[in-house]
PDB file of all heavy atoms in Angstrom:
ATOM      1  N   VAL A   1      83.511  84.992  52.403  1.00  0.00           N
ATOM      2  CA  VAL A   1      83.226  86.370  52.450  1.00  0.00           C
ATOM      3  C   VAL A   1      84.439  87.325  52.433  1.00  0.00           C
ATOM      4  O   VAL A   1      84.644  88.197  51.626  1.00  0.00           O
ATOM      5  CB  VAL A   1      82.159  86.877  53.547  1.00  0.00           C
ATOM      6  CG1 VAL A   1      82.010  88.304  53.508  1.00  0.00           C
ATOM      7  CG2 VAL A   1      80.830  86.174  53.263  1.00  0.00           C
ATOM      8  N   ILE A   2      85.243  86.964  53.390  1.00  0.00           N
ATOM      9  CA  ILE A   2      86.528  87.675  53.643  1.00  0.00           C
ATOM     10  C   ILE A   2      87.441  87.619  52.337  1.00  0.00           C
ATOM     11  O   ILE A   2      87.937  88.581  51.804  1.00  0.00           O
ATOM     12  CB  ILE A   2      87.333  87.185  54.817  1.00  0.00           C
ATOM     13  CG1 ILE A   2      86.640  87.523  55.981  1.00  0.00           C
ATOM     14  CG2 ILE A   2      88.776  87.869  54.771  1.00  0.00           C
ATOM     15  CD1 ILE A   2      86.661  89.025  56.477  1.00  0.00           C
ATOM     16  N   ARG A   3      87.414  86.376  51.715  1.00  0.00           N
ATOM     17  CA  ARG A   3      88.263  86.094  50.565  1.00  0.00           C
ATOM     18  C   ARG A   3      87.771  86.998  49.378  1.00  0.00           C
ATOM     19  O   ARG A   3      88.567  87.660  48.542  1.00  0.00           O
ATOM     20  CB  ARG A   3      88.364  84.640  50.134  1.00  0.00           C
ATOM     21  CG  ARG A   3      89.315  83.919  50.932  1.00  0.00           C
ATOM     22  CD  ARG A   3      89.527  82.537  50.380  1.00  0.00           C
ATOM     23  NE  ARG A   3      88.366  81.824  50.128  1.00  0.00           N
ATOM     24  CZ  ARG A   3      87.827  80.993  51.067  1.00  0.00           C
ATOM     25  NH1 ARG A   3      88.347  80.833  52.229  1.00  0.00           N
ATOM     26  NH2 ARG A   3      86.661  80.283  50.848  1.00  0.00           N
ATOM     27  N   MET A   4      86.332  87.158  49.334  1.00  0.00           N
ATOM     28  CA  MET A   4      85.749  87.842  48.196  1.00  0.00           C
ATOM     29  C   MET A   4      86.172  89.280  48.261  1.00  0.00           C
ATOM     30  O   MET A   4      86.437  90.057  47.355  1.00  0.00           O
ATOM     31  CB  MET A   4      84.209  87.633  48.168  1.00  0.00           C
ATOM     32  CG  MET A   4      83.514  88.153  47.069  1.00  0.00           C
ATOM     33  SD  MET A   4      81.594  87.733  47.232  1.00  0.00           S
ATOM     34  CE  MET A   4      81.688  85.926  47.015  1.00  0.00           C
ATOM     35  N   LEU A   5      85.887  89.875  49.543  1.00  0.00           N
ATOM     36  CA  LEU A   5      86.184  91.224  49.862  1.00  0.00           C
ATOM     37  C   LEU A   5      87.524  91.669  49.587  1.00  0.00           C
ATOM     38  O   LEU A   5      87.979  92.743  49.198  1.00  0.00           O
ATOM     39  CB  LEU A   5      85.816  91.710  51.169  1.00  0.00           C
ATOM     40  CG  LEU A   5      84.108  91.616  51.569  1.00  0.00           C
ATOM     41  CD1 LEU A   5      83.986  91.928  52.959  1.00  0.00           C
ATOM     42  CD2 LEU A   5      83.473  92.354  50.581  1.00  0.00           C
ATOM     43  N   SER A   6      88.577  90.592  49.749  1.00  0.00           N
ATOM     44  CA  SER A   6      89.889  90.971  49.621  1.00  0.00           C
ATOM     45  C   SER A   6      90.292  91.259  48.167  1.00  0.00           C
ATOM     46  O   SER A   6      91.441  91.743  47.911  1.00  0.00           O
ATOM     47  CB  SER A   6      90.785  89.808  50.219  1.00  0.00           C
ATOM     48  OG  SER A   6      90.631  88.643  49.287  1.00  0.00           O
ATOM     49  N   LYS A   7      89.416  90.838  47.251  1.00  0.00           N
ATOM     50  CA  LYS A   7      89.683  91.101  45.671  1.00  0.00           C
ATOM     51  C   LYS A   7      89.557  92.564  45.308  1.00  0.00           C
ATOM     52  O   LYS A   7      89.964  92.961  44.268  1.00  0.00           O
ATOM     53  CB  LYS A   7      88.855  90.094  44.931  1.00  0.00           C
ATOM     54  CG  LYS A   7      88.849  88.654  45.260  1.00  0.00           C
ATOM     55  CD  LYS A   7      90.116  88.132  44.884  1.00  0.00           C
ATOM     56  CE  LYS A   7      90.156  86.622  45.147  1.00  0.00           C
ATOM     57  NZ  LYS A   7      91.472  85.926  44.765  1.00  0.00           N
ATOM     58  N   PHE A   8      88.815  93.301  46.158  1.00  0.00           N
ATOM     59  CA  PHE A   8      88.555  94.642  45.856  1.00  0.00           C
ATOM     60  C   PHE A   8      89.630  95.632  46.263  1.00  0.00           C
ATOM     61  O   PHE A   8      90.189  95.385  47.250  1.00  0.00           O
ATOM     62  CB  PHE A   8      87.297  95.175  46.416  1.00  0.00           C
ATOM     63  CG  PHE A   8      85.987  94.487  45.802  1.00  0.00           C
ATOM     64  CD1 PHE A   8      85.580  93.183  46.095  1.00  0.00           C
ATOM     65  CD2 PHE A   8      85.260  95.098  44.743  1.00  0.00           C
ATOM     66  CE1 PHE A   8      84.418  92.595  45.611  1.00  0.00           C
ATOM     67  CE2 PHE A   8      84.212  94.558  44.147  1.00  0.00           C
ATOM     68  CZ  PHE A   8      83.782  93.321  44.590  1.00  0.00           C
ATOM     69  N   ASP A   9      89.823  96.719  45.454  1.00  0.00           N
ATOM     70  CA  ASP A   9      90.873  97.589  45.836  1.00  0.00           C
ATOM     71  C   ASP A   9      90.615  98.236  47.208  1.00  0.00           C
ATOM     72  O   ASP A   9      91.607  98.568  47.953  1.00  0.00           O
ATOM     73  CB  ASP A   9      91.034  98.715  44.773  1.00  0.00           C
ATOM     74  CG  ASP A   9      91.415  98.152  43.439  1.00  0.00           C
ATOM     75  OD1 ASP A   9      91.761  97.047  43.339  1.00  0.00           O
ATOM     76  OD2 ASP A   9      91.234  98.916  42.375  1.00  0.00           O
ATOM     77  N   SER A  10      89.449  98.677  47.444  1.00  0.00           N
ATOM     78  CA  SER A  10      89.033  99.390  48.697  1.00  0.00           C
ATOM     79  C   SER A  10      87.668  98.977  49.301  1.00  0.00           C
ATOM     80  O   SER A  10      86.801  98.933  48.415  1.00  0.00           O
ATOM     81  CB  SER A  10      89.161 100.870  48.412  1.00  0.00           C
ATOM     82  OG  SER A  10      88.852 101.685  49.496  1.00  0.00           O
ATOM     83  N   VAL A  11      87.689  98.687  50.432  1.00  0.00           N
ATOM     84  CA  VAL A  11      86.325  98.331  51.169  1.00  0.00           C
ATOM     85  C   VAL A  11      86.236  99.109  52.473  1.00  0.00           C
ATOM     86  O   VAL A  11      87.270  99.048  53.333  1.00  0.00           O
ATOM     87  CB  VAL A  11      86.251  96.699  51.335  1.00  0.00           C
ATOM     88  CG1 VAL A  11      85.003  96.436  52.140  1.00  0.00           C
ATOM     89  CG2 VAL A  11      86.562  96.016  50.119  1.00  0.00           C
ATOM     90  N   PHE A  12      85.114  99.677  52.584  1.00  0.00           N
ATOM     91  CA  PHE A  12      84.779 100.305  53.884  1.00  0.00           C
ATOM     92  C   PHE A  12      83.727  99.499  54.505  1.00  0.00           C
ATOM     93  O   PHE A  12      82.568  99.244  54.054  1.00  0.00           O
ATOM     94  CB  PHE A  12      84.190 101.750  53.592  1.00  0.00           C
ATOM     95  CG  PHE A  12      85.249 102.806  53.042  1.00  0.00           C
ATOM     96  CD1 PHE A  12      85.345 102.596  51.582  1.00  0.00           C
ATOM     97  CD2 PHE A  12      85.933 103.413  53.811  1.00  0.00           C
ATOM     98  CE1 PHE A  12      86.404 103.596  51.031  1.00  0.00           C
ATOM     99  CE2 PHE A  12      86.894 104.298  53.256  1.00  0.00           C
ATOM    100  CZ  PHE A  12      87.116 104.382  51.854  1.00  0.00           C
ATOM    101  N   ILE A  13      84.023  99.022  55.785  1.00  0.00           N
ATOM    102  CA  ILE A  13      83.082  98.244  56.438  1.00  0.00           C
ATOM    103  C   ILE A  13      82.455  99.041  57.615  1.00  0.00           C
ATOM    104  O   ILE A  13      83.156  99.522  58.554  1.00  0.00           O
ATOM    105  CB  ILE A  13      83.626  97.023  57.086  1.00  0.00           C
ATOM    106  CG1 ILE A  13      84.117  96.076  55.999  1.00  0.00           C
ATOM    107  CG2 ILE A  13      82.752  96.252  58.147  1.00  0.00           C
ATOM    108  CD1 ILE A  13      82.924  95.337  55.309  1.00  0.00           C
ATOM    109  N   GLN A  14      81.138  99.241  57.711  1.00  0.00           N
ATOM    110  CA  GLN A  14      80.495  99.952  58.676  1.00  0.00           C
ATOM    111  C   GLN A  14      79.977  98.814  59.665  1.00  0.00           C
ATOM    112  O   GLN A  14      78.982  98.189  59.366  1.00  0.00           O
ATOM    113  CB  GLN A  14      79.353 100.791  58.149  1.00  0.00           C
ATOM    114  CG  GLN A  14      79.639 101.531  56.933  1.00  0.00           C
ATOM    115  CD  GLN A  14      80.718 102.665  57.147  1.00  0.00           C
ATOM    116  OE1 GLN A  14      80.994 103.031  58.300  1.00  0.00           O
ATOM    117  NE2 GLN A  14      81.334 103.025  56.028  1.00  0.00           N
ATOM    118  N   PHE A  15      80.757  98.618  60.738  1.00  0.00           N
ATOM    119  CA  PHE A  15      80.553  97.382  61.572  1.00  0.00           C
ATOM    120  C   PHE A  15      79.637  97.829  62.700  1.00  0.00           C
ATOM    121  O   PHE A  15      80.003  98.560  63.656  1.00  0.00           O
ATOM    122  CB  PHE A  15      81.830  96.911  62.107  1.00  0.00           C
ATOM    123  CG  PHE A  15      81.843  95.584  62.689  1.00  0.00           C
ATOM    124  CD1 PHE A  15      82.279  94.447  62.025  1.00  0.00           C
ATOM    125  CD2 PHE A  15      81.358  95.526  64.098  1.00  0.00           C
ATOM    126  CE1 PHE A  15      82.315  93.182  62.656  1.00  0.00           C
ATOM    127  CE2 PHE A  15      81.359  94.200  64.720  1.00  0.00           C
ATOM    128  CZ  PHE A  15      81.661  93.067  64.053  1.00  0.00           C
ATOM    129  N   SER A  16      78.404  97.280  62.651  1.00  0.00           N
ATOM    130  CA  SER A  16      77.368  97.769  63.762  1.00  0.00           C
ATOM    131  C   SER A  16      77.587  96.982  65.138  1.00  0.00           C
ATOM    132  O   SER A  16      77.675  95.803  65.231  1.00  0.00           O
ATOM    133  CB  SER A  16      75.925  97.461  63.334  1.00  0.00           C
ATOM    134  OG  SER A  16      75.619  98.170  62.088  1.00  0.00           O
ATOM    135  N   MET A  17      77.555  97.814  66.226  1.00  0.00           N
ATOM    136  CA  MET A  17      77.781  97.343  67.544  1.00  0.00           C
ATOM    137  C   MET A  17      77.042  98.259  68.486  1.00  0.00           C
ATOM    138  O   MET A  17      77.253  99.484  68.441  1.00  0.00           O
ATOM    139  CB  MET A  17      79.301  97.259  67.923  1.00  0.00           C
ATOM    140  CG  MET A  17      79.693  96.673  69.202  1.00  0.00           C
ATOM    141  SD  MET A  17      81.353  96.815  69.661  1.00  0.00           S
ATOM    142  CE  MET A  17      82.008  95.672  68.443  1.00  0.00           C
ATOM    143  N   CYS A  18      76.188  97.741  69.252  1.00  0.00           N
ATOM    144  CA  CYS A  18      75.275  98.674  69.956  1.00  0.00           C
ATOM    145  C   CYS A  18      75.539  98.476  71.530  1.00  0.00           C
ATOM    146  O   CYS A  18      74.730  98.907  72.346  1.00  0.00           O
ATOM    147  CB  CYS A  18      73.845  98.376  69.754  1.00  0.00           C
ATOM    148  SG  CYS A  18      73.383  99.217  68.255  1.00  0.00           S
ATOM    149  N   GLY A  19      76.695  97.887  71.979  1.00  0.00           N
ATOM    150  CA  GLY A  19      76.902  97.605  73.308  1.00  0.00           C
ATOM    151  C   GLY A  19      77.983  96.571  73.489  1.00  0.00           C
ATOM    152  O   GLY A  19      78.540  96.015  72.448  1.00  0.00           O
ATOM    153  N   ILE A  20      78.357  96.304  74.838  1.00  0.00           N
ATOM    154  CA  ILE A  20      79.311  95.336  75.025  1.00  0.00           C
ATOM    155  C   ILE A  20      78.738  94.128  75.621  1.00  0.00           C
ATOM    156  O   ILE A  20      77.900  94.297  76.618  1.00  0.00           O
ATOM    157  CB  ILE A  20      80.444  95.823  75.872  1.00  0.00           C
ATOM    158  CG1 ILE A  20      81.159  97.155  75.319  1.00  0.00           C
ATOM    159  CG2 ILE A  20      81.445  94.733  76.109  1.00  0.00           C
ATOM    160  CD1 ILE A  20      81.605  96.962  73.874  1.00  0.00           C
ATOM    161  N   GLY A  21      78.959  92.900  75.238  1.00  0.00           N
ATOM    162  CA  GLY A  21      78.432  91.736  75.849  1.00  0.00           C
ATOM    163  C   GLY A  21      76.951  91.614  75.733  1.00  0.00           C
ATOM    164  O   GLY A  21      76.301  91.906  74.587  1.00  0.00           O
ATOM    165  N   TYR A  22      76.175  91.486  76.896  1.00  0.00           N
ATOM    166  CA  TYR A  22      74.725  91.137  76.780  1.00  0.00           C
ATOM    167  C   TYR A  22      73.957  92.340  76.315  1.00  0.00           C
ATOM    168  O   TYR A  22      72.977  92.188  75.620  1.00  0.00           O
ATOM    169  CB  TYR A  22      74.178  90.851  78.210  1.00  0.00           C
ATOM    170  CG  TYR A  22      72.738  90.500  78.228  1.00  0.00           C
ATOM    171  CD1 TYR A  22      72.400  89.339  77.891  1.00  0.00           C
ATOM    172  CD2 TYR A  22      71.771  91.433  78.663  1.00  0.00           C
ATOM    173  CE1 TYR A  22      71.000  88.887  77.955  1.00  0.00           C
ATOM    174  CE2 TYR A  22      70.426  91.050  78.634  1.00  0.00           C
ATOM    175  CZ  TYR A  22      70.135  89.888  78.381  1.00  0.00           C
ATOM    176  OH  TYR A  22      68.766  89.527  78.285  1.00  0.00           O
ATOM    177  N   THR A  23      74.513  93.610  76.551  1.00  0.00           N
ATOM    178  CA  THR A  23      73.728  94.802  76.061  1.00  0.00           C
ATOM    179  C   THR A  23      73.712  94.663  74.517  1.00  0.00           C
ATOM    180  O   THR A  23      72.654  95.033  73.920  1.00  0.00           O
ATOM    181  CB  THR A  23      74.486  96.113  76.529  1.00  0.00           C
ATOM    182  OG1 THR A  23      74.540  96.079  77.972  1.00  0.00           O
ATOM    183  CG2 THR A  23      73.731  97.190  75.931  1.00  0.00           C
ATOM    184  N   ASN A  24      74.635  94.453  73.855  1.00  0.00           N
ATOM    185  CA  ASN A  24      74.585  94.250  72.397  1.00  0.00           C
ATOM    186  C   ASN A  24      73.640  93.217  71.935  1.00  0.00           C
ATOM    187  O   ASN A  24      72.821  93.481  71.017  1.00  0.00           O
ATOM    188  CB  ASN A  24      75.996  94.021  71.790  1.00  0.00           C
ATOM    189  CG  ASN A  24      76.027  93.902  70.318  1.00  0.00           C
ATOM    190  OD1 ASN A  24      76.117  94.853  69.661  1.00  0.00           O
ATOM    191  ND2 ASN A  24      75.999  92.600  69.775  1.00  0.00           N
ATOM    192  N   ASP A  25      73.747  92.125  72.656  1.00  0.00           N
ATOM    193  CA  ASP A  25      72.966  90.956  72.216  1.00  0.00           C
ATOM    194  C   ASP A  25      71.506  91.141  72.477  1.00  0.00           C
ATOM    195  O   ASP A  25      70.545  90.705  71.754  1.00  0.00           O
ATOM    196  CB  ASP A  25      73.445  89.723  72.882  1.00  0.00           C
ATOM    197  CG  ASP A  25      74.819  89.209  72.368  1.00  0.00           C
ATOM    198  OD1 ASP A  25      75.409  89.861  71.593  1.00  0.00           O
ATOM    199  OD2 ASP A  25      75.274  88.292  72.987  1.00  0.00           O
ATOM    200  N   TYR A  26      71.158  91.945  73.455  1.00  0.00           N
ATOM    201  CA  TYR A  26      69.911  92.259  73.857  1.00  0.00           C
ATOM    202  C   TYR A  26      69.221  93.302  72.779  1.00  0.00           C
ATOM    203  O   TYR A  26      68.161  92.945  72.356  1.00  0.00           O
ATOM    204  CB  TYR A  26      69.798  92.991  75.208  1.00  0.00           C
ATOM    205  CG  TYR A  26      68.407  93.550  75.733  1.00  0.00           C
ATOM    206  CD1 TYR A  26      67.602  92.720  76.545  1.00  0.00           C
ATOM    207  CD2 TYR A  26      68.049  94.752  75.373  1.00  0.00           C
ATOM    208  CE1 TYR A  26      66.458  93.114  76.937  1.00  0.00           C
ATOM    209  CE2 TYR A  26      66.715  95.229  75.803  1.00  0.00           C
ATOM    210  CZ  TYR A  26      65.806  94.391  76.510  1.00  0.00           C
ATOM    211  OH  TYR A  26      64.641  94.899  76.902  1.00  0.00           O
ATOM    212  N   ILE A  27      69.995  94.192  72.446  1.00  0.00           N
ATOM    213  CA  ILE A  27      69.384  95.221  71.386  1.00  0.00           C
ATOM    214  C   ILE A  27      69.517  94.547  69.949  1.00  0.00           C
ATOM    215  O   ILE A  27      68.410  94.674  69.241  1.00  0.00           O
ATOM    216  CB  ILE A  27      70.428  96.415  71.349  1.00  0.00           C
ATOM    217  CG1 ILE A  27      70.312  97.244  72.641  1.00  0.00           C
ATOM    218  CG2 ILE A  27      69.938  97.421  70.218  1.00  0.00           C
ATOM    219  CD1 ILE A  27      71.278  98.298  72.841  1.00  0.00           C
ATOM    220  N   ARG A  28      70.624  93.916  69.633  1.00  0.00           N
ATOM    221  CA  ARG A  28      70.634  93.342  68.373  1.00  0.00           C
ATOM    222  C   ARG A  28      70.404  91.753  68.427  1.00  0.00           C
ATOM    223  O   ARG A  28      71.270  90.942  68.320  1.00  0.00           O
ATOM    224  CB  ARG A  28      72.216  93.480  67.754  1.00  0.00           C
ATOM    225  CG  ARG A  28      72.547  95.074  67.784  1.00  0.00           C
ATOM    226  CD  ARG A  28      73.874  95.327  67.210  1.00  0.00           C
ATOM    227  NE  ARG A  28      73.839  94.951  65.714  1.00  0.00           N
ATOM    228  CZ  ARG A  28      73.289  95.805  64.800  1.00  0.00           C
ATOM    229  NH1 ARG A  28      72.734  96.885  65.076  1.00  0.00           N
ATOM    230  NH2 ARG A  28      73.314  95.378  63.568  1.00  0.00           N
ATOM    231  N   TYR A  29      69.053  91.559  68.578  1.00  0.00           N
ATOM    232  CA  TYR A  29      68.518  90.211  68.903  1.00  0.00           C
ATOM    233  C   TYR A  29      69.039  89.207  67.780  1.00  0.00           C
ATOM    234  O   TYR A  29      68.767  89.546  66.590  1.00  0.00           O
ATOM    235  CB  TYR A  29      67.160  90.226  68.931  1.00  0.00           C
ATOM    236  CG  TYR A  29      66.409  88.994  69.177  1.00  0.00           C
ATOM    237  CD1 TYR A  29      66.678  88.281  70.376  1.00  0.00           C
ATOM    238  CD2 TYR A  29      65.436  88.494  68.178  1.00  0.00           C
ATOM    239  CE1 TYR A  29      66.043  86.951  70.542  1.00  0.00           C
ATOM    240  CE2 TYR A  29      64.817  87.226  68.435  1.00  0.00           C
ATOM    241  CZ  TYR A  29      65.097  86.527  69.632  1.00  0.00           C
ATOM    242  OH  TYR A  29      64.500  85.353  69.845  1.00  0.00           O
ATOM    243  N   GLY A  30      69.692  88.168  68.107  1.00  0.00           N
ATOM    244  CA  GLY A  30      70.269  87.267  67.185  1.00  0.00           C
ATOM    245  C   GLY A  30      71.865  87.145  67.146  1.00  0.00           C
ATOM    246  O   GLY A  30      72.418  86.426  66.613  1.00  0.00           O
ATOM    247  N   ALA A  31      72.333  88.292  67.766  1.00  0.00           N
ATOM    248  CA  ALA A  31      73.755  88.471  67.816  1.00  0.00           C
ATOM    249  C   ALA A  31      74.415  87.565  68.863  1.00  0.00           C
ATOM    250  O   ALA A  31      73.791  87.203  69.922  1.00  0.00           O
ATOM    251  CB  ALA A  31      74.196  89.824  68.010  1.00  0.00           C
ATOM    252  N   ASP A  32      75.689  87.201  68.735  1.00  0.00           N
ATOM    253  CA  ASP A  32      76.451  86.568  69.697  1.00  0.00           C
ATOM    254  C   ASP A  32      77.716  87.312  69.874  1.00  0.00           C
ATOM    255  O   ASP A  32      78.506  87.544  69.161  1.00  0.00           O
ATOM    256  CB  ASP A  32      76.861  85.055  69.256  1.00  0.00           C
ATOM    257  CG  ASP A  32      77.561  84.329  70.335  1.00  0.00           C
ATOM    258  OD1 ASP A  32      78.743  84.764  70.656  1.00  0.00           O
ATOM    259  OD2 ASP A  32      77.238  83.242  70.764  1.00  0.00           O
ATOM    260  N   TRP A  33      77.757  87.962  71.149  1.00  0.00           N
ATOM    261  CA  TRP A  33      78.939  88.881  71.382  1.00  0.00           C
ATOM    262  C   TRP A  33      80.227  88.332  71.250  1.00  0.00           C
ATOM    263  O   TRP A  33      81.084  88.954  70.489  1.00  0.00           O
ATOM    264  CB  TRP A  33      78.883  89.490  72.762  1.00  0.00           C
ATOM    265  CG  TRP A  33      80.076  90.151  73.162  1.00  0.00           C
ATOM    266  CD1 TRP A  33      81.208  89.760  73.988  1.00  0.00           C
ATOM    267  CD2 TRP A  33      80.487  91.398  72.737  1.00  0.00           C
ATOM    268  NE1 TRP A  33      82.221  90.584  74.062  1.00  0.00           N
ATOM    269  CE2 TRP A  33      81.807  91.641  73.245  1.00  0.00           C
ATOM    270  CE3 TRP A  33      80.016  92.313  71.802  1.00  0.00           C
ATOM    271  CZ2 TRP A  33      82.569  92.869  72.951  1.00  0.00           C
ATOM    272  CZ3 TRP A  33      80.637  93.354  71.532  1.00  0.00           C
ATOM    273  CH2 TRP A  33      81.943  93.680  72.085  1.00  0.00           C
ATOM    274  N   ASN A  34      80.459  87.159  71.563  1.00  0.00           N
ATOM    275  CA  ASN A  34      81.817  86.540  71.323  1.00  0.00           C
ATOM    276  C   ASN A  34      82.134  86.327  69.908  1.00  0.00           C
ATOM    277  O   ASN A  34      83.382  86.654  69.385  1.00  0.00           O
ATOM    278  CB  ASN A  34      81.855  85.145  72.014  1.00  0.00           C
ATOM    279  CG  ASN A  34      81.812  85.180  73.500  1.00  0.00           C
ATOM    280  OD1 ASN A  34      82.355  86.143  74.164  1.00  0.00           O
ATOM    281  ND2 ASN A  34      81.075  84.271  74.098  1.00  0.00           N
ATOM    282  N   GLU A  35      81.210  85.915  69.131  1.00  0.00           N
ATOM    283  CA  GLU A  35      81.381  85.941  67.641  1.00  0.00           C
ATOM    284  C   GLU A  35      81.677  87.259  67.010  1.00  0.00           C
ATOM    285  O   GLU A  35      82.474  87.452  66.069  1.00  0.00           O
ATOM    286  CB  GLU A  35      80.259  85.266  66.911  1.00  0.00           C
ATOM    287  CG  GLU A  35      80.040  83.674  67.257  1.00  0.00           C
ATOM    288  CD  GLU A  35      78.953  83.103  66.611  1.00  0.00           C
ATOM    289  OE1 GLU A  35      78.189  83.848  65.833  1.00  0.00           O
ATOM    290  OE2 GLU A  35      78.626  81.824  66.844  1.00  0.00           O
ATOM    291  N   LEU A  36      80.969  88.250  67.511  1.00  0.00           N
ATOM    292  CA  LEU A  36      80.992  89.633  67.015  1.00  0.00           C
ATOM    293  C   LEU A  36      82.384  90.183  67.332  1.00  0.00           C
ATOM    294  O   LEU A  36      83.043  90.763  66.438  1.00  0.00           O
ATOM    295  CB  LEU A  36      79.959  90.463  67.731  1.00  0.00           C
ATOM    296  CG  LEU A  36      79.831  91.872  67.039  1.00  0.00           C
ATOM    297  CD1 LEU A  36      79.055  91.876  65.837  1.00  0.00           C
ATOM    298  CD2 LEU A  36      78.947  92.788  68.143  1.00  0.00           C
ATOM    299  N   ASP A  37      82.914  89.856  68.460  1.00  0.00           N
ATOM    300  CA  ASP A  37      84.304  90.402  68.898  1.00  0.00           C
ATOM    301  C   ASP A  37      85.303  89.765  67.999  1.00  0.00           C
ATOM    302  O   ASP A  37      86.207  90.355  67.388  1.00  0.00           O
ATOM    303  CB  ASP A  37      84.552  89.987  70.409  1.00  0.00           C
ATOM    304  CG  ASP A  37      85.813  90.454  70.885  1.00  0.00           C
ATOM    305  OD1 ASP A  37      86.273  91.587  70.385  1.00  0.00           O
ATOM    306  OD2 ASP A  37      86.521  89.769  71.635  1.00  0.00           O
ATOM    307  N   VAL A  38      85.067  88.508  67.638  1.00  0.00           N
ATOM    308  CA  VAL A  38      86.175  87.764  66.766  1.00  0.00           C
ATOM    309  C   VAL A  38      86.108  88.395  65.167  1.00  0.00           C
ATOM    310  O   VAL A  38      87.130  88.784  64.627  1.00  0.00           O
ATOM    311  CB  VAL A  38      85.841  86.228  66.611  1.00  0.00           C
ATOM    312  CG1 VAL A  38      86.694  85.774  65.556  1.00  0.00           C
ATOM    313  CG2 VAL A  38      86.165  85.655  67.989  1.00  0.00           C
ATOM    314  N   ALA A  39      84.793  88.715  64.781  1.00  0.00           N
ATOM    315  CA  ALA A  39      84.539  89.256  63.490  1.00  0.00           C
ATOM    316  C   ALA A  39      85.032  90.639  63.442  1.00  0.00           C
ATOM    317  O   ALA A  39      85.715  90.965  62.295  1.00  0.00           O
ATOM    318  CB  ALA A  39      83.115  89.388  63.206  1.00  0.00           C
ATOM    319  N   TYR A  40      84.982  91.511  64.338  1.00  0.00           N
ATOM    320  CA  TYR A  40      85.578  92.869  64.394  1.00  0.00           C
ATOM    321  C   TYR A  40      86.936  92.759  64.130  1.00  0.00           C
ATOM    322  O   TYR A  40      87.559  93.557  63.356  1.00  0.00           O
ATOM    323  CB  TYR A  40      85.253  93.456  65.549  1.00  0.00           C
ATOM    324  CG  TYR A  40      85.728  94.998  65.683  1.00  0.00           C
ATOM    325  CD1 TYR A  40      85.031  96.095  65.147  1.00  0.00           C
ATOM    326  CD2 TYR A  40      86.962  95.198  66.342  1.00  0.00           C
ATOM    327  CE1 TYR A  40      85.377  97.391  65.112  1.00  0.00           C
ATOM    328  CE2 TYR A  40      87.323  96.606  66.534  1.00  0.00           C
ATOM    329  CZ  TYR A  40      86.619  97.549  65.895  1.00  0.00           C
ATOM    330  OH  TYR A  40      87.047  98.821  65.919  1.00  0.00           O
TER     331      TYR A  40
END
């Protein structure tokens, strides 16, 4: 995915995050905070 997006001249990423740690994972069910932090 990253390699594909790198081919475009300009990309705006709206990165959804609704809290830190457990709060984010509680609201955004299915998320893993540690993976999200790395992705950001």
